[in-house]
C-alpha atoms as a PDB file:
ATOM      1  CA  MET A   1      88.863 160.293 113.165  1.00  0.00           C
ATOM      2  CA  ILE A   2      87.681 157.041 114.521  1.00  0.00           C
ATOM      3  CA  LEU A   3      88.254 158.245 118.336  1.00  0.00           C
ATOM      4  CA  ASP A   4      86.628 161.474 117.846  1.00  0.00           C
ATOM      5  CA  PHE A   5      83.552 158.841 116.833  1.00  0.00           C
ATOM      6  CA  GLY A   6      84.404 156.266 119.539  1.00  0.00           C
ATOM      7  CA  LEU A   7      84.114 159.451 121.864  1.00  0.00           C
ATOM      8  CA  GLY A   8      80.832 160.868 120.045  1.00  0.00           C
ATOM      9  CA  ARG A   9      83.027 164.005 118.965  1.00  0.00           C
ATOM     10  CA  TYR A  10      80.951 163.972 115.803  1.00  0.00           C
ATOM     11  CA  GLU A  11      81.463 167.435 114.717  1.00  0.00           C
ATOM     12  CA  ALA A  12      84.944 167.259 115.191  1.00  0.00           C
ATOM     13  CA  VAL A  13      84.369 163.880 112.744  1.00  0.00           C
ATOM     14  CA  LEU A  14      82.352 165.679 110.059  1.00  0.00           C
ATOM     15  CA  ASP A  15      85.201 169.033 110.305  1.00  0.00           C
ATOM     16  CA  ARG A  16      88.304 167.111 110.124  1.00  0.00           C
ATOM     17  CA  VAL A  17      86.860 165.384 106.698  1.00  0.00           C
ATOM     18  CA  ASP A  18      85.647 168.040 106.055  1.00  0.00           C
ATOM     19  CA  ARG A  19      89.408 169.595 106.420  1.00  0.00           C
ATOM     20  CA  ALA A  20      90.893 167.021 103.992  1.00  0.00           C
ATOM     21  CA  MET A  21      88.441 166.517 101.704  1.00  0.00           C
ATOM     22  CA  ALA A  22      89.240 170.201 100.787  1.00  0.00           C
ATOM     23  CA  GLY A  23      92.737 169.669 100.736  1.00  0.00           C
ATOM     24  CA  PRO A  24      95.489 167.901  97.905  1.00  0.00           C
ATOM     25  CA  THR A  25      94.593 164.808  98.860  1.00  0.00           C
ATOM     26  CA  ARG A  26      90.850 165.049  98.500  1.00  0.00           C
ATOM     27  CA  HIS A  27      91.189 162.907  95.217  1.00  0.00           C
ATOM     28  CA  ALA A  28      92.584 159.644  96.982  1.00  0.00           C
ATOM     29  CA  PHE A  29      90.891 156.597  97.079  1.00  0.00           C
ATOM     30  CA  ILE A  30      91.068 155.833 100.472  1.00  0.00           C
ATOM     31  CA  TRP A  31      88.354 158.653 101.685  1.00  0.00           C
ATOM     32  CA  ARG A  32      85.808 156.566 100.475  1.00  0.00           C
ATOM     33  CA  TYR A  33      86.752 154.633 103.996  1.00  0.00           C
ATOM     34  CA  CYS A  34      85.626 157.226 105.608  1.00  0.00           C
ATOM     35  CA  TRP A  35      82.393 158.203 104.170  1.00  0.00           C
ATOM     36  CA  ALA A  36      80.328 155.952 106.223  1.00  0.00           C
ATOM     37  CA  ASP A  37      81.651 157.187 109.156  1.00  0.00           C
ATOM     38  CA  TYR A  38      81.349 160.826 107.899  1.00  0.00           C
ATOM     39  CA  ILE A  39      77.341 160.219 107.064  1.00  0.00           C
ATOM     40  CA  GLU A  40      76.395 158.695 110.766  1.00  0.00           C
ATOM     41  CA  ALA A  41      78.218 161.367 112.016  1.00  0.00           C
ATOM     42  CA  ALA A  42      75.934 163.638 109.548  1.00  0.00           C
ATOM     43  CA  VAL A  43      72.886 161.777 111.010  1.00  0.00           C
ATOM     44  CA  ARG A  44      73.731 162.211 114.007  1.00  0.00           C
ATOM     45  CA  VAL A  45      74.077 165.667 114.563  1.00  0.00           C
ATOM     46  CA  GLY A  46      70.767 166.502 112.341  1.00  0.00           C
ATOM     47  CA  ASP A  47      72.878 167.568 109.315  1.00  0.00           C
ATOM     48  CA  ARG A  48      70.905 166.526 106.467  1.00  0.00           C
ATOM     49  CA  GLN A  49      73.250 168.050 104.033  1.00  0.00           C
ATOM     50  CA  ARG A  50      76.457 166.695 104.649  1.00  0.00           C
ATOM     51  CA  MET A  51      74.835 163.210 105.193  1.00  0.00           C
ATOM     52  CA  SER A  52      72.871 163.718 101.194  1.00  0.00           C
ATOM     53  CA  ASP A  53      76.340 164.715  99.588  1.00  0.00           C
ATOM     54  CA  ARG A  54      78.350 161.786 100.563  1.00  0.00           C
ATOM     55  CA  LEU A  55      74.857 159.066 100.779  1.00  0.00           C
ATOM     56  CA  ARG A  56      75.157 159.465  97.163  1.00  0.00           C
ATOM     57  CA  ALA A  57      78.750 158.547  96.535  1.00  0.00           C
ATOM     58  CA  TYR A  58      79.078 156.255  99.442  1.00  0.00           C
ATOM     59  CA  THR A  59      76.098 154.405  98.226  1.00  0.00           C
ATOM     60  CA  GLU A  60      77.602 153.892  94.288  1.00  0.00           C
ATOM     61  CA  TRP A  61      81.153 152.674  95.673  1.00  0.00           C
ATOM     62  CA  ALA A  62      79.706 150.050  97.930  1.00  0.00           C
ATOM     63  CA  GLU A  63      77.370 148.748  95.495  1.00  0.00           C
ATOM     64  CA  ALA A  64      79.846 148.744  92.485  1.00  0.00           C
ATOM     65  CA  THR A  65      82.175 146.180  94.915  1.00  0.00           C
ATOM     66  CA  ARG A  66      79.441 143.636  95.841  1.00  0.00           C
ATOM     67  CA  GLN A  67      81.117 143.142  98.695  1.00  0.00           C
ATOM     68  CA  ALA A  68      79.656 142.069 101.870  1.00  0.00           C
ATOM     69  CA  VAL A  69      81.193 144.740 104.097  1.00  0.00           C
ATOM     70  CA  PRO A  70      80.447 147.787 102.143  1.00  0.00           C
ATOM     71  CA  LEU A  71      77.171 146.801 101.589  1.00  0.00           C
ATOM     72  CA  ALA A  72      76.539 145.704 105.577  1.00  0.00           C
ATOM     73  CA  VAL A  73      77.545 149.391 106.654  1.00  0.00           C
ATOM     74  CA  LEU A  74      75.496 150.842 103.993  1.00  0.00           C
ATOM     75  CA  HIS A  75      72.750 148.968 105.189  1.00  0.00           C
ATOM     76  CA  ARG A  76      73.238 150.062 108.498  1.00  0.00           C
ATOM     77  CA  ILE A  77      73.148 153.892 107.350  1.00  0.00           C
ATOM     78  CA  ARG A  78      69.896 153.468 105.388  1.00  0.00           C
ATOM     79  CA  ALA A  79      68.554 152.073 108.872  1.00  0.00           C
ATOM     80  CA  LEU A  80      69.586 155.356 110.772  1.00  0.00           C
ATOM     81  CA  LEU A  81      67.912 156.935 108.381  1.00  0.00           C
ATOM     82  CA  ALA A  82      64.782 154.661 108.032  1.00  0.00           C
ATOM     83  CA  SER A  83      61.448 154.560 108.990  1.00  0.00           C
ATOM     84  CA  ASP A  84      60.693 152.744 112.641  1.00  0.00           C
ATOM     85  CA  ASP A  85      58.351 149.966 110.242  1.00  0.00           C
ATOM     86  CA  GLN A  86      62.211 149.371 107.823  1.00  0.00           C
ATOM     87  CA  ALA A  87      64.991 150.031 110.008  1.00  0.00           C
ATOM     88  CA  GLY A  88      64.893 147.064 111.648  1.00  0.00           C
ATOM     89  CA  GLY A  89      64.396 144.965 108.657  1.00  0.00           C
ATOM     90  CA  LEU A  90      67.780 147.071 107.672  1.00  0.00           C
ATOM     91  CA  PHE A  91      69.573 146.191 110.758  1.00  0.00           C
ATOM     92  CA  GLU A  92      68.956 142.723 110.369  1.00  0.00           C
ATOM     93  CA  ARG A  93      70.204 142.115 106.578  1.00  0.00           C
ATOM     94  CA  ALA A  94      72.816 144.168 107.674  1.00  0.00           C
ATOM     95  CA  LEU A  95      73.802 141.633 110.115  1.00  0.00           C
ATOM     96  CA  ALA A  96      73.492 138.729 107.579  1.00  0.00           C
ATOM     97  CA  LEU A  97      75.829 140.501 104.945  1.00  0.00           C
ATOM     98  CA  HIS A  98      78.547 140.786 107.988  1.00  0.00           C
ATOM     99  CA  ALA A  99      78.235 137.191 108.652  1.00  0.00           C
ATOM    100  CA  GLU A 100      79.596 137.193 105.359  1.00  0.00           C
ATOM    101  CA  GLY A 101      82.772 139.586 105.848  1.00  0.00           C
ATOM    102  CA  ASP A 102      85.350 139.004 108.494  1.00  0.00           C
ATOM    103  CA  GLN A 103      85.854 142.782 109.388  1.00  0.00           C
ATOM    104  CA  PRO A 104      84.114 142.237 113.331  1.00  0.00           C
ATOM    105  CA  PHE A 105      85.072 146.166 114.378  1.00  0.00           C
ATOM    106  CA  ASP A 106      82.658 146.378 111.871  1.00  0.00           C
ATOM    107  CA  GLU A 107      79.943 144.200 112.465  1.00  0.00           C
ATOM    108  CA  ALA A 108      80.418 145.066 116.352  1.00  0.00           C
ATOM    109  CA  ARG A 109      79.537 148.312 115.722  1.00  0.00           C
ATOM    110  CA  THR A 110      76.387 147.343 113.559  1.00  0.00           C
ATOM    111  CA  ARG A 111      75.209 145.341 116.386  1.00  0.00           C
ATOM    112  CA  LEU A 112      75.570 148.695 118.772  1.00  0.00           C
ATOM    113  CA  VAL A 113      73.854 150.767 116.521  1.00  0.00           C
ATOM    114  CA  TYR A 114      71.087 147.766 116.326  1.00  0.00           C
ATOM    115  CA  GLY A 115      71.113 147.508 119.985  1.00  0.00           C
ATOM    116  CA  GLU A 116      70.496 151.561 120.467  1.00  0.00           C
ATOM    117  CA  TRP A 117      67.449 151.340 118.165  1.00  0.00           C
ATOM    118  CA  LEU A 118      66.206 148.628 119.902  1.00  0.00           C
ATOM    119  CA  ARG A 119      66.412 150.065 123.295  1.00  0.00           C
ATOM    120  CA  ARG A 120      64.460 153.138 122.044  1.00  0.00           C
ATOM    121  CA  HIS A 121      62.418 151.668 119.737  1.00  0.00           C
ATOM    122  CA  ARG A 122      61.637 148.083 120.904  1.00  0.00           C
ATOM    123  CA  GLY A 123      62.319 148.290 124.848  1.00  0.00           C
ATOM    124  CA  ARG A 124      65.211 146.894 126.574  1.00  0.00           C
ATOM    125  CA  ALA A 125      65.106 143.279 126.386  1.00  0.00           C
ATOM    126  CA  GLU A 126      65.427 142.608 122.241  1.00  0.00           C
ATOM    127  CA  ALA A 127      68.596 145.173 122.601  1.00  0.00           C
ATOM    128  CA  ARG A 128      70.788 143.255 125.163  1.00  0.00           C
ATOM    129  CA  SER A 129      72.103 140.801 123.045  1.00  0.00           C
ATOM    130  CA  HIS A 130      73.292 143.152 120.518  1.00  0.00           C
ATOM    131  CA  LEU A 131      74.798 145.032 122.917  1.00  0.00           C
ATOM    132  CA  GLN A 132      76.632 143.034 124.793  1.00  0.00           C
ATOM    133  CA  ARG A 133      77.659 141.061 121.740  1.00  0.00           C
ATOM    134  CA  ALA A 134      79.663 144.394 120.722  1.00  0.00           C
ATOM    135  CA  LYS A 135      81.144 145.204 124.150  1.00  0.00           C
ATOM    136  CA  GLU A 136      82.606 141.677 123.988  1.00  0.00           C
ATOM    137  CA  ALA A 137      83.746 142.456 120.311  1.00  0.00           C
ATOM    138  CA  PHE A 138      85.223 145.618 121.447  1.00  0.00           C
ATOM    139  CA  ASP A 139      86.870 144.344 124.407  1.00  0.00           C
ATOM    140  CA  ARG A 140      88.840 141.601 122.151  1.00  0.00           C
ATOM    141  CA  LEU A 141      89.263 144.446 119.689  1.00  0.00           C
ATOM    142  CA  GLY A 142      90.734 146.717 122.474  1.00  0.00           C
ATOM    143  CA  ALA A 143      88.852 149.224 121.106  1.00  0.00           C
ATOM    144  CA  ALA A 144      88.145 150.731 124.778  1.00  0.00           C
ATOM    145  CA  PRO A 145      85.620 153.994 123.334  1.00  0.00           C
ATOM    146  CA  TRP A 146      83.427 152.076 121.525  1.00  0.00           C
ATOM    147  CA  SER A 147      83.122 149.790 124.509  1.00  0.00           C
ATOM    148  CA  ALA A 148      82.188 151.895 127.300  1.00  0.00           C
ATOM    149  CA  ARG A 149      80.018 153.794 125.178  1.00  0.00           C
ATOM    150  CA  ALA A 150      78.544 149.772 124.521  1.00  0.00           C
ATOM    151  CA  ALA A 151      78.443 149.590 128.242  1.00  0.00           C
ATOM    152  CA  GLY A 152      76.471 152.768 128.566  1.00  0.00           C
ATOM    153  CA  GLU A 153      74.138 151.373 126.568  1.00  0.00           C
ATOM    154  CA  LEU A 154      73.889 148.123 128.544  1.00  0.00           C
ATOM    155  CA  ARG A 155      73.452 149.973 131.704  1.00  0.00           C
ATOM    156  CA  ALA A 156      70.773 152.017 130.077  1.00  0.00           C
ATOM    157  CA  ALA A 157      68.901 148.739 129.123  1.00  0.00           C
ATOM    158  CA  GLY A 158      68.541 147.555 132.376  1.00  0.00           C
ATOM    159  CA  VAL A 159      72.467 145.544 132.829  1.00  0.00           C
ATOM    160  CA  SER A 160      74.604 145.803 135.385  1.00  0.00           C
ATOM    161  CA  VAL A 161      77.713 146.837 133.627  1.00  0.00           C
ATOM    162  CA  PRO A 162      80.593 148.218 136.062  1.00  0.00           C
ATOM    163  CA  ASN A 163      82.705 151.031 135.236  1.00  0.00           C
ATOM    164  CA  ARG A 164      86.675 149.539 134.981  1.00  0.00           C
ATOM    165  CA  ALA A 165      88.107 152.809 135.865  1.00  0.00           C
ATOM    166  CA  THR A 166      85.751 153.937 138.635  1.00  0.00           C
ATOM    167  CA  ASP A 167      82.604 153.816 140.739  1.00  0.00           C
ATOM    168  CA  ASP A 168      81.793 157.264 139.166  1.00  0.00           C
ATOM    169  CA  PRO A 169      79.109 157.162 136.083  1.00  0.00           C
ATOM    170  CA  LEU A 170      80.670 161.011 135.308  1.00  0.00           C
ATOM    171  CA  ALA A 171      83.923 160.031 135.161  1.00  0.00           C
ATOM    172  CA  SER A 172      82.962 158.241 131.586  1.00  0.00           C
ATOM    173  CA  LEU A 173      81.589 161.438 130.163  1.00  0.00           C
ATOM    174  CA  THR A 174      83.845 163.089 127.422  1.00  0.00           C
ATOM    175  CA  PRO A 175      85.024 166.879 128.896  1.00  0.00           C
ATOM    176  CA  GLN A 176      81.975 168.316 127.073  1.00  0.00           C
ATOM    177  CA  GLU A 177      79.386 165.601 127.307  1.00  0.00           C
ATOM    178  CA  LEU A 178      80.755 166.376 131.244  1.00  0.00           C
ATOM    179  CA  GLN A 179      80.254 170.388 130.594  1.00  0.00           C
ATOM    180  CA  VAL A 180      76.919 170.006 129.331  1.00  0.00           C
ATOM    181  CA  VAL A 181      75.351 167.681 131.768  1.00  0.00           C
ATOM    182  CA  ARG A 182      76.857 170.030 134.438  1.00  0.00           C
ATOM    183  CA  LEU A 183      74.716 172.827 133.174  1.00  0.00           C
ATOM    184  CA  ALA A 184      71.485 170.137 132.273  1.00  0.00           C
ATOM    185  CA  VAL A 185      71.286 169.451 136.261  1.00  0.00           C
ATOM    186  CA  THR A 186      71.102 172.726 136.963  1.00  0.00           C
ATOM    187  CA  GLY A 187      67.900 172.930 134.606  1.00  0.00           C
ATOM    188  CA  ALA A 188      69.162 175.005 132.272  1.00  0.00           C
ATOM    189  CA  SER A 189      67.750 174.473 128.716  1.00  0.00           C
ATOM    190  CA  ASN A 190      69.621 173.554 125.118  1.00  0.00           C
ATOM    191  CA  ARG A 191      69.666 176.868 124.563  1.00  0.00           C
ATOM    192  CA  GLU A 192      71.130 178.286 127.733  1.00  0.00           C
ATOM    193  CA  ILE A 193      73.387 175.219 127.676  1.00  0.00           C
ATOM    194  CA  ALA A 194      74.347 176.462 124.230  1.00  0.00           C
ATOM    195  CA  THR A 195      74.504 180.179 124.878  1.00  0.00           C
ATOM    196  CA  GLN A 196      76.818 179.277 127.933  1.00  0.00           C
ATOM    197  CA  LEU A 197      79.369 176.879 126.235  1.00  0.00           C
ATOM    198  CA  PHE A 198      79.571 178.845 122.480  1.00  0.00           C
ATOM    199  CA  LEU A 199      78.066 175.775 121.168  1.00  0.00           C
ATOM    200  CA  SER A 200      74.927 175.725 119.041  1.00  0.00           C
ATOM    201  CA  PRO A 201      71.898 174.178 120.415  1.00  0.00           C
ATOM    202  CA  ARG A 202      71.986 171.507 118.216  1.00  0.00           C
ATOM    203  CA  THR A 203      75.659 169.895 119.851  1.00  0.00           C
ATOM    204  CA  VAL A 204      74.229 170.254 123.117  1.00  0.00           C
ATOM    205  CA  ALA A 205      71.448 167.820 122.180  1.00  0.00           C
ATOM    206  CA  SER A 206      74.069 165.747 120.708  1.00  0.00           C
ATOM    207  CA  HIS A 207      76.258 165.713 123.719  1.00  0.00           C
ATOM    208  CA  LEU A 208      73.253 164.489 126.182  1.00  0.00           C
ATOM    209  CA  TYR A 209      71.610 162.205 123.292  1.00  0.00           C
ATOM    210  CA  ASN A 210      75.600 160.202 123.970  1.00  0.00           C
ATOM    211  CA  ALA A 211      75.729 161.153 127.905  1.00  0.00           C
ATOM    212  CA  PHE A 212      72.588 159.628 128.897  1.00  0.00           C
ATOM    213  CA  PRO A 213      73.413 155.727 127.976  1.00  0.00           C
ATOM    214  CA  LYS A 214      76.646 156.675 129.749  1.00  0.00           C
ATOM    215  CA  LEU A 215      74.532 157.694 132.744  1.00  0.00           C
ATOM    216  CA  GLY A 216      72.542 154.896 132.534  1.00  0.00           C
ATOM    217  CA  ILE A 217      69.577 157.114 132.369  1.00  0.00           C
ATOM    218  CA  THR A 218      67.486 157.250 129.859  1.00  0.00           C
ATOM    219  CA  SER A 219      65.661 161.573 129.766  1.00  0.00           C
ATOM    220  CA  ARG A 220      66.281 164.682 131.066  1.00  0.00           C
ATOM    221  CA  ALA A 221      64.321 163.952 134.418  1.00  0.00           C
ATOM    222  CA  GLU A 222      66.152 161.300 135.554  1.00  0.00           C
ATOM    223  CA  LEU A 223      69.696 163.976 135.782  1.00  0.00           C
ATOM    224  CA  ALA A 224      68.427 165.476 139.196  1.00  0.00           C
ATOM    225  CA  ARG A 225      70.229 162.202 140.512  1.00  0.00           C
ATOM    226  CA  LEU A 226      73.166 162.756 139.673  1.00  0.00           C
ATOM    227  CA  THR A 227      75.441 164.861 141.984  1.00  0.00           C
ATOM    228  CA  PRO A 228      78.906 166.541 140.063  1.00  0.00           C
ATOM    229  CA  GLY A 229      80.052 168.238 143.139  1.00  0.00           C
ATOM    230  CA  GLY A 230      81.285 171.145 141.716  1.00  0.00           C
ATOM    231  CA  ARG A 231      83.837 168.925 139.589  1.00  0.00           C
END
């Protein structure tokens, strides 16, 4: 599930957890640790119903533990849902709580999401520090998909980050992101792409949202400079 999340396969995350929660292990305590990922995946695809169902349960559990890391993750989730004037403070509170715990992967994820938010709402300069620290942590942990995602955001923030595998930016995309980008380059709308790939327009939008940072671009108009070349 974490691999799916790191690769931006949010629908797969939701489907995987839904199946598990409907099966014989649905009452297992361990699933509580998946709720945060489930909630964020639901936020990413715009599924507020699924998000709301788990958010209440995760909030009750995290607050009952009184432990820094679950509370930090809870503040990260709340920041994703908050208004622009409240989100920054929630992200900062999450990082303060991370400083009390010892979970570098969760802290790096918070810095990545915070950096994404900063780049889109306050400008590239403020985002770079958090994105750089996130990438360094993911590199130390060997979390390659997450490092690639942070690298993509850094490029979108104006930082030159070499692609270790290849100089081709399209190589950083997942297979379905590549399909979506190929069609978007032709000028096809999200609805037209969805029809051709048997996806929902919302899923197409999600794939583009994740592909843009990997490609170092910020808008659909910039896709024109890409040349898939019959891939």
